[in-house]
C-alpha atoms as a PDB file:
ATOM      1  CA  MET A   1       0.194 -13.558  68.614  1.00  0.00           C
ATOM      2  CA  LEU A   2      -0.218 -10.297  66.714  1.00  0.00           C
ATOM      3  CA  ASN A   3       2.037 -11.532  63.890  1.00  0.00           C
ATOM      4  CA  ARG A   4      -0.396 -14.199  62.659  1.00  0.00           C
ATOM      5  CA  GLY A   5      -1.297 -13.662  58.974  1.00  0.00           C
ATOM      6  CA  PHE A   6       1.355 -10.994  58.482  1.00  0.00           C
ATOM      7  CA  THR A   7       3.369 -13.255  56.138  1.00  0.00           C
ATOM      8  CA  LEU A   8       0.243 -13.972  54.088  1.00  0.00           C
ATOM      9  CA  ILE A   9      -0.320 -10.222  53.564  1.00  0.00           C
ATOM     10  CA  GLU A  10       3.312  -9.847  52.453  1.00  0.00           C
ATOM     11  CA  VAL A  11       2.847 -12.670  49.932  1.00  0.00           C
ATOM     12  CA  LEU A  12      -0.369 -11.100  48.576  1.00  0.00           C
ATOM     13  CA  VAL A  13       1.304  -7.687  48.188  1.00  0.00           C
ATOM     14  CA  SER A  14       4.257  -9.350  46.427  1.00  0.00           C
ATOM     15  CA  LEU A  15       1.879 -11.170  44.050  1.00  0.00           C
ATOM     16  CA  LEU A  16       0.058  -7.909  43.316  1.00  0.00           C
ATOM     17  CA  LEU A  17       3.332  -6.140  42.497  1.00  0.00           C
ATOM     18  CA  LEU A  18       4.487  -9.076  40.370  1.00  0.00           C
ATOM     19  CA  GLY A  19       1.173  -9.051  38.469  1.00  0.00           C
ATOM     20  CA  MET A  20       1.467  -5.326  37.782  1.00  0.00           C
ATOM     21  CA  GLY A  21       5.019  -5.844  36.525  1.00  0.00           C
ATOM     22  CA  MET A  22       3.877  -8.637  34.209  1.00  0.00           C
ATOM     23  CA  LEU A  23       1.129  -6.398  32.801  1.00  0.00           C
ATOM     24  CA  GLY A  24       3.771  -3.752  32.117  1.00  0.00           C
ATOM     25  CA  ILE A  25       5.924  -6.292  30.281  1.00  0.00           C
ATOM     26  CA  VAL A  26       2.946  -7.405  28.158  1.00  0.00           C
ATOM     27  CA  ALA A  27       2.119  -3.771  27.297  1.00  0.00           C
ATOM     28  CA  LEU A  28       5.754  -3.129  26.380  1.00  0.00           C
ATOM     29  CA  ALA A  29       5.818  -6.196  24.122  1.00  0.00           C
ATOM     30  CA  GLY A  30       2.581  -5.060  22.443  1.00  0.00           C
ATOM     31  CA  ASN A  31       3.987  -1.589  21.791  1.00  0.00           C
ATOM     32  CA  GLY A  32       7.163  -3.123  20.394  1.00  0.00           C
ATOM     33  CA  GLN A  33       5.172  -5.342  18.034  1.00  0.00           C
ATOM     34  CA  ARG A  34       3.065  -2.384  16.878  1.00  0.00           C
ATOM     35  CA  SER A  35       6.185  -0.291  16.244  1.00  0.00           C
ATOM     36  CA  PHE A  36       7.802  -3.149  14.325  1.00  0.00           C
ATOM     37  CA  THR A  37       4.703  -3.587  12.146  1.00  0.00           C
ATOM     38  CA  GLU A  38       4.451   0.159  11.467  1.00  0.00           C
ATOM     39  CA  SER A  39       8.125   0.421  10.491  1.00  0.00           C
ATOM     40  CA  THR A  40       7.892  -2.677   8.279  1.00  0.00           C
ATOM     41  CA  GLN A  41       4.857  -1.251   6.492  1.00  0.00           C
ATOM     42  CA  ARG A  42       6.593   2.110   6.017  1.00  0.00           C
ATOM     43  CA  ALA A  43       9.627   0.348   4.524  1.00  0.00           C
ATOM     44  CA  GLU A  44       7.355  -1.602   2.151  1.00  0.00           C
ATOM     45  CA  ALA A  45       5.537   1.574   1.080  1.00  0.00           C
ATOM     46  CA  LEU A  46       8.836   3.340   0.402  1.00  0.00           C
ATOM     47  CA  ARG A  47       9.970   0.376  -1.684  1.00  0.00           C
ATOM     48  CA  TYR A  48       6.736   0.532  -3.714  1.00  0.00           C
ATOM     49  CA  VAL A  49       7.162   4.276  -4.307  1.00  0.00           C
ATOM     50  CA  GLU A  50      10.816   3.899  -5.309  1.00  0.00           C
ATOM     51  CA  GLU A  51       9.975   1.021  -7.650  1.00  0.00           C
ATOM     52  CA  MET A  52       7.507   3.147  -9.606  1.00  0.00           C
ATOM     53  CA  ALA A  53       9.837   6.164  -9.536  1.00  0.00           C
ATOM     54  CA  ASP A  54      12.532   4.063 -11.215  1.00  0.00           C
ATOM     55  CA  ARG A  55      10.091   2.961 -13.912  1.00  0.00           C
ATOM     56  CA  ILE A  56       9.010   6.557 -14.590  1.00  0.00           C
ATOM     57  CA  ARG A  57      12.651   7.699 -14.781  1.00  0.00           C
ATOM     58  CA  VAL A  58      13.260   5.101 -17.502  1.00  0.00           C
ATOM     59  CA  ASN A  59      10.125   6.062 -19.497  1.00  0.00           C
ATOM     60  CA  PRO A  60       9.308   9.744 -18.725  1.00  0.00           C
ATOM     61  CA  ALA A  61       7.746  10.486 -22.134  1.00  0.00           C
ATOM     62  CA  ALA A  62       4.720   8.340 -21.275  1.00  0.00           C
ATOM     63  CA  ILE A  63       3.872  10.094 -17.985  1.00  0.00           C
ATOM     64  CA  ALA A  64       0.210  10.487 -19.010  1.00  0.00           C
ATOM     65  CA  ASN A  65      -0.127   6.694 -19.159  1.00  0.00           C
ATOM     66  CA  TYR A  66       1.398   6.351 -15.705  1.00  0.00           C
ATOM     67  CA  VAL A  67      -1.103   8.835 -14.254  1.00  0.00           C
ATOM     68  CA  ALA A  68      -4.207   7.081 -15.601  1.00  0.00           C
ATOM     69  CA  PRO A  69      -5.019   4.175 -17.938  1.00  0.00           C
ATOM     70  CA  GLY A  70      -5.085   5.223 -21.578  1.00  0.00           C
ATOM     71  CA  GLY A  71      -3.496   8.572 -20.732  1.00  0.00           C
ATOM     72  CA  ALA A  72      -6.721  10.040 -19.290  1.00  0.00           C
ATOM     73  CA  ILE A  73      -6.432  13.448 -17.641  1.00  0.00           C
ATOM     74  CA  THR A  74      -7.973  12.477 -14.281  1.00  0.00           C
ATOM     75  CA  PRO A  75      -5.553  10.454 -12.107  1.00  0.00           C
ATOM     76  CA  VAL A  76      -6.751   6.991 -11.119  1.00  0.00           C
ATOM     77  CA  ALA A  77      -5.509   5.286  -7.940  1.00  0.00           C
ATOM     78  CA  VAL A  78      -4.186   1.736  -7.967  1.00  0.00           C
ATOM     79  CA  GLY A  79      -4.211  -0.919  -5.267  1.00  0.00           C
ATOM     80  CA  ALA A  80      -7.294  -3.004  -5.952  1.00  0.00           C
ATOM     81  CA  GLY A  81      -5.465  -5.382  -8.300  1.00  0.00           C
ATOM     82  CA  THR A  82      -7.928  -4.947 -11.183  1.00  0.00           C
ATOM     83  CA  GLU A  83      -5.357  -3.462 -13.568  1.00  0.00           C
ATOM     84  CA  PHE A  84      -2.907  -6.224 -12.648  1.00  0.00           C
ATOM     85  CA  ASP A  85      -5.556  -8.830 -13.449  1.00  0.00           C
ATOM     86  CA  ALA A  86      -5.977  -7.254 -16.905  1.00  0.00           C
ATOM     87  CA  ILE A  87      -2.357  -7.876 -17.971  1.00  0.00           C
ATOM     88  CA  GLY A  88      -2.505  -9.844 -21.186  1.00  0.00           C
ATOM     89  CA  ALA A  89      -6.164  -8.952 -21.780  1.00  0.00           C
ATOM     90  CA  THR A  90      -6.686  -5.170 -21.970  1.00  0.00           C
ATOM     91  CA  VAL A  91      -3.188  -4.257 -20.730  1.00  0.00           C
ATOM     92  CA  PRO A  92      -0.309  -5.343 -22.980  1.00  0.00           C
ATOM     93  CA  ASP A  93       2.091  -7.856 -21.435  1.00  0.00           C
ATOM     94  CA  CYS A  94       5.403  -6.053 -21.848  1.00  0.00           C
ATOM     95  CA  ALA A  95       7.351  -8.208 -19.412  1.00  0.00           C
ATOM     96  CA  LEU A  96      10.962  -8.647 -20.382  1.00  0.00           C
ATOM     97  CA  SER A  97      11.732 -12.156 -21.560  1.00  0.00           C
ATOM     98  CA  ALA A  98      15.078 -13.902 -21.775  1.00  0.00           C
ATOM     99  CA  ALA A  99      14.870 -13.894 -25.582  1.00  0.00           C
ATOM    100  CA  SER A 100      14.107 -10.180 -25.938  1.00  0.00           C
ATOM    101  CA  ALA A 101      15.478  -7.419 -23.749  1.00  0.00           C
ATOM    102  CA  ALA A 102      13.417  -4.852 -25.641  1.00  0.00           C
ATOM    103  CA  GLY A 103      10.224  -5.411 -23.673  1.00  0.00           C
ATOM    104  CA  SER A 104       8.399  -7.555 -26.250  1.00  0.00           C
ATOM    105  CA  GLY A 105       8.238  -4.707 -28.756  1.00  0.00           C
ATOM    106  CA  CYS A 106       5.943  -2.473 -26.684  1.00  0.00           C
ATOM    107  CA  SER A 107       5.695   1.269 -27.297  1.00  0.00           C
ATOM    108  CA  ALA A 108       6.501   3.761 -24.523  1.00  0.00           C
ATOM    109  CA  ALA A 109       2.770   4.197 -23.789  1.00  0.00           C
ATOM    110  CA  GLN A 110       2.199   0.424 -23.671  1.00  0.00           C
ATOM    111  CA  MET A 111       5.195  -0.016 -21.382  1.00  0.00           C
ATOM    112  CA  ALA A 112       3.756   2.648 -19.065  1.00  0.00           C
ATOM    113  CA  GLU A 113       0.388   0.837 -19.052  1.00  0.00           C
ATOM    114  CA  TYR A 114       2.165  -2.411 -18.190  1.00  0.00           C
ATOM    115  CA  ASP A 115       4.290  -0.743 -15.464  1.00  0.00           C
ATOM    116  CA  ARG A 116       1.155   0.793 -13.947  1.00  0.00           C
ATOM    117  CA  ALA A 117      -0.696  -2.547 -13.960  1.00  0.00           C
ATOM    118  CA  TRP A 118       2.330  -4.314 -12.493  1.00  0.00           C
ATOM    119  CA  TRP A 119       2.527  -1.634  -9.751  1.00  0.00           C
ATOM    120  CA  ASP A 120      -1.191  -2.161  -9.080  1.00  0.00           C
ATOM    121  CA  GLY A 121      -0.430  -5.816  -8.358  1.00  0.00           C
ATOM    122  CA  LEU A 122       2.527  -4.896  -6.151  1.00  0.00           C
ATOM    123  CA  VAL A 123       0.512  -2.387  -4.091  1.00  0.00           C
ATOM    124  CA  ALA A 124      -2.408  -4.840  -3.858  1.00  0.00           C
ATOM    125  CA  GLY A 125      -0.085  -7.535  -2.464  1.00  0.00           C
ATOM    126  CA  ARG A 126      -0.432  -9.955  -5.391  1.00  0.00           C
ATOM    127  CA  PHE A 127       3.219 -10.998  -5.279  1.00  0.00           C
ATOM    128  CA  GLY A 128       3.107 -12.551  -1.803  1.00  0.00           C
ATOM    129  CA  GLU A 129       4.698  -9.469  -0.271  1.00  0.00           C
ATOM    130  CA  LEU A 130       4.121  -8.500   3.342  1.00  0.00           C
ATOM    131  CA  GLY A 131       1.504  -6.081   2.117  1.00  0.00           C
ATOM    132  CA  LEU A 132      -0.082  -2.971   3.509  1.00  0.00           C
ATOM    133  CA  ASN A 133      -3.447  -2.495   5.193  1.00  0.00           C
ATOM    134  CA  SER A 134      -5.948  -0.924   2.715  1.00  0.00           C
ATOM    135  CA  PRO A 135      -3.259   0.434   0.367  1.00  0.00           C
ATOM    136  CA  ARG A 136      -3.705   2.876  -2.507  1.00  0.00           C
ATOM    137  CA  GLY A 137      -1.091   4.151  -4.937  1.00  0.00           C
ATOM    138  CA  CYS A 138      -1.343   7.394  -6.905  1.00  0.00           C
ATOM    139  CA  ILE A 139       0.697   9.124  -9.574  1.00  0.00           C
ATOM    140  CA  ASN A 140       0.068  12.800 -10.339  1.00  0.00           C
ATOM    141  CA  ARG A 141       1.714  15.409 -12.518  1.00  0.00           C
ATOM    142  CA  VAL A 142       2.914  18.455 -10.592  1.00  0.00           C
ATOM    143  CA  ALA A 143       3.362  21.687 -12.531  1.00  0.00           C
ATOM    144  CA  GLY A 144       6.521  23.680 -12.156  1.00  0.00           C
ATOM    145  CA  ILE A 145      10.000  23.966 -13.526  1.00  0.00           C
ATOM    146  CA  PRO A 146      10.835  21.232 -13.930  1.00  0.00           C
ATOM    147  CA  GLU A 147       7.525  19.398 -14.132  1.00  0.00           C
ATOM    148  CA  ARG A 148       7.422  16.504 -11.670  1.00  0.00           C
ATOM    149  CA  ALA A 149       5.662  13.202 -11.199  1.00  0.00           C
ATOM    150  CA  ARG A 150       4.421  12.748  -7.614  1.00  0.00           C
ATOM    151  CA  ILE A 151       4.194   9.104  -6.564  1.00  0.00           C
ATOM    152  CA  ALA A 152       2.318   8.376  -3.344  1.00  0.00           C
ATOM    153  CA  VAL A 153       1.341   5.241  -1.470  1.00  0.00           C
ATOM    154  CA  VAL A 154      -1.121   5.496   1.413  1.00  0.00           C
ATOM    155  CA  TRP A 155      -2.246   2.804   3.828  1.00  0.00           C
ATOM    156  CA  GLN A 156      -4.099   2.336   7.096  1.00  0.00           C
ATOM    157  CA  GLY A 157      -1.838   2.476  10.140  1.00  0.00           C
ATOM    158  CA  MET A 158      -2.441   0.733  13.443  1.00  0.00           C
ATOM    159  CA  SER A 159      -2.897   3.830  15.578  1.00  0.00           C
ATOM    160  CA  ASP A 160      -4.040   7.416  15.175  1.00  0.00           C
ATOM    161  CA  THR A 161      -1.708  10.249  14.285  1.00  0.00           C
ATOM    162  CA  ALA A 162      -2.256  13.841  13.256  1.00  0.00           C
ATOM    163  CA  ASP A 163      -3.160  13.705   9.539  1.00  0.00           C
ATOM    164  CA  LEU A 164      -1.998  17.064   8.239  1.00  0.00           C
ATOM    165  CA  GLY A 165      -3.986  16.588   5.026  1.00  0.00           C
ATOM    166  CA  VAL A 166      -7.280  16.868   6.893  1.00  0.00           C
ATOM    167  CA  ASN A 167      -6.187  20.097   8.557  1.00  0.00           C
ATOM    168  CA  GLY A 168      -5.199  21.662   5.244  1.00  0.00           C
ATOM    169  CA  ALA A 169      -1.497  21.885   6.027  1.00  0.00           C
ATOM    170  CA  LEU A 170       1.482  20.089   4.514  1.00  0.00           C
ATOM    171  CA  PHE A 171      -0.200  17.198   2.673  1.00  0.00           C
ATOM    172  CA  ALA A 172      -3.436  18.942   1.702  1.00  0.00           C
ATOM    173  CA  ALA A 173      -2.582  18.758  -2.007  1.00  0.00           C
ATOM    174  CA  ILE A 174      -2.072  14.997  -1.848  1.00  0.00           C
ATOM    175  CA  ASP A 175      -5.515  13.457  -2.027  1.00  0.00           C
ATOM    176  CA  CYS A 176      -4.331   9.902  -2.619  1.00  0.00           C
ATOM    177  CA  GLY A 177      -6.594   7.512  -0.757  1.00  0.00           C
ATOM    178  CA  ASP A 178      -9.312  10.052   0.008  1.00  0.00           C
ATOM    179  CA  ASP A 179     -11.777   7.633  -1.613  1.00  0.00           C
ATOM    180  CA  THR A 180     -10.527   4.819   0.646  1.00  0.00           C
ATOM    181  CA  PHE A 181     -10.159   6.627   3.958  1.00  0.00           C
ATOM    182  CA  ILE A 182     -13.590   8.171   4.335  1.00  0.00           C
ATOM    183  CA  GLY A 183     -14.415   9.842   7.639  1.00  0.00           C
ATOM    184  CA  ALA A 184     -12.324  11.576  10.233  1.00  0.00           C
ATOM    185  CA  ALA A 185     -11.648   8.412  12.264  1.00  0.00           C
ATOM    186  CA  SER A 186     -10.287   6.561   9.235  1.00  0.00           C
ATOM    187  CA  ARG A 187      -8.077   9.448   8.149  1.00  0.00           C
ATOM    188  CA  LEU A 188      -6.483   9.774  11.582  1.00  0.00           C
ATOM    189  CA  SER A 189      -4.577   6.539  11.035  1.00  0.00           C
ATOM    190  CA  ARG A 190      -3.702   7.148   7.361  1.00  0.00           C
ATOM    191  CA  ARG A 191      -0.011   6.780   6.553  1.00  0.00           C
ATOM    192  CA  MET A 192       1.665   8.149   3.423  1.00  0.00           C
ATOM    193  CA  ALA A 193       4.956   7.697   1.548  1.00  0.00           C
ATOM    194  CA  VAL A 194       5.607  10.275  -1.200  1.00  0.00           C
ATOM    195  CA  LEU A 195       8.384  10.759  -3.748  1.00  0.00           C
ATOM    196  CA  GLU A 196       8.629  13.254  -6.599  1.00  0.00           C
ATOM    197  CA  VAL A 197      10.526  12.600  -9.836  1.00  0.00           C
ATOM    198  CA  ALA A 198      11.648  15.443 -12.118  1.00  0.00           C
ATOM    199  CA  LEU A 199      10.458  15.015 -15.703  1.00  0.00           C
ATOM    200  CA  PRO A 200      12.588  16.161 -18.658  1.00  0.00           C
END
């Protein structure tokens, strides 16, 4: 008579353990999805940085026009798509055509303006790419021997990490995206891909 209900308790304990196991599986799947998204975004950012680095290597004499429109001294970030939208209007359309492999007769400075506007569209996700969350792209000149062009892409990650730029350590000199990621909470999840190109 004392065994009545004992099987029911065993079933309830088994269901509780099964439920906890299922929650663990769901959490594991969520972490896997987050890791996949983070790695995909990092790969995209590296592709964007390498794309612009290749363009600068081909046209290093016009570095001032890569840094800012019109060769201005103060660097201007890209990623909003406004420069891309200006191709053909205020930015010369230097796209290579099948008839002319010379870039439609553009000067080095005009080609740099076009490359910068095209990169603005790429970073902004105008080409149907996977895209980044709140991206910004920056090109800066770095003094030294040899002088270098620093290309950076920053974006908003899915979870917080230690942002060394806020603490004044490794990435303190790279202020790309500081206008986008305002506040300590926003900067904790900032991600960055950086590449430097030596200029002749």
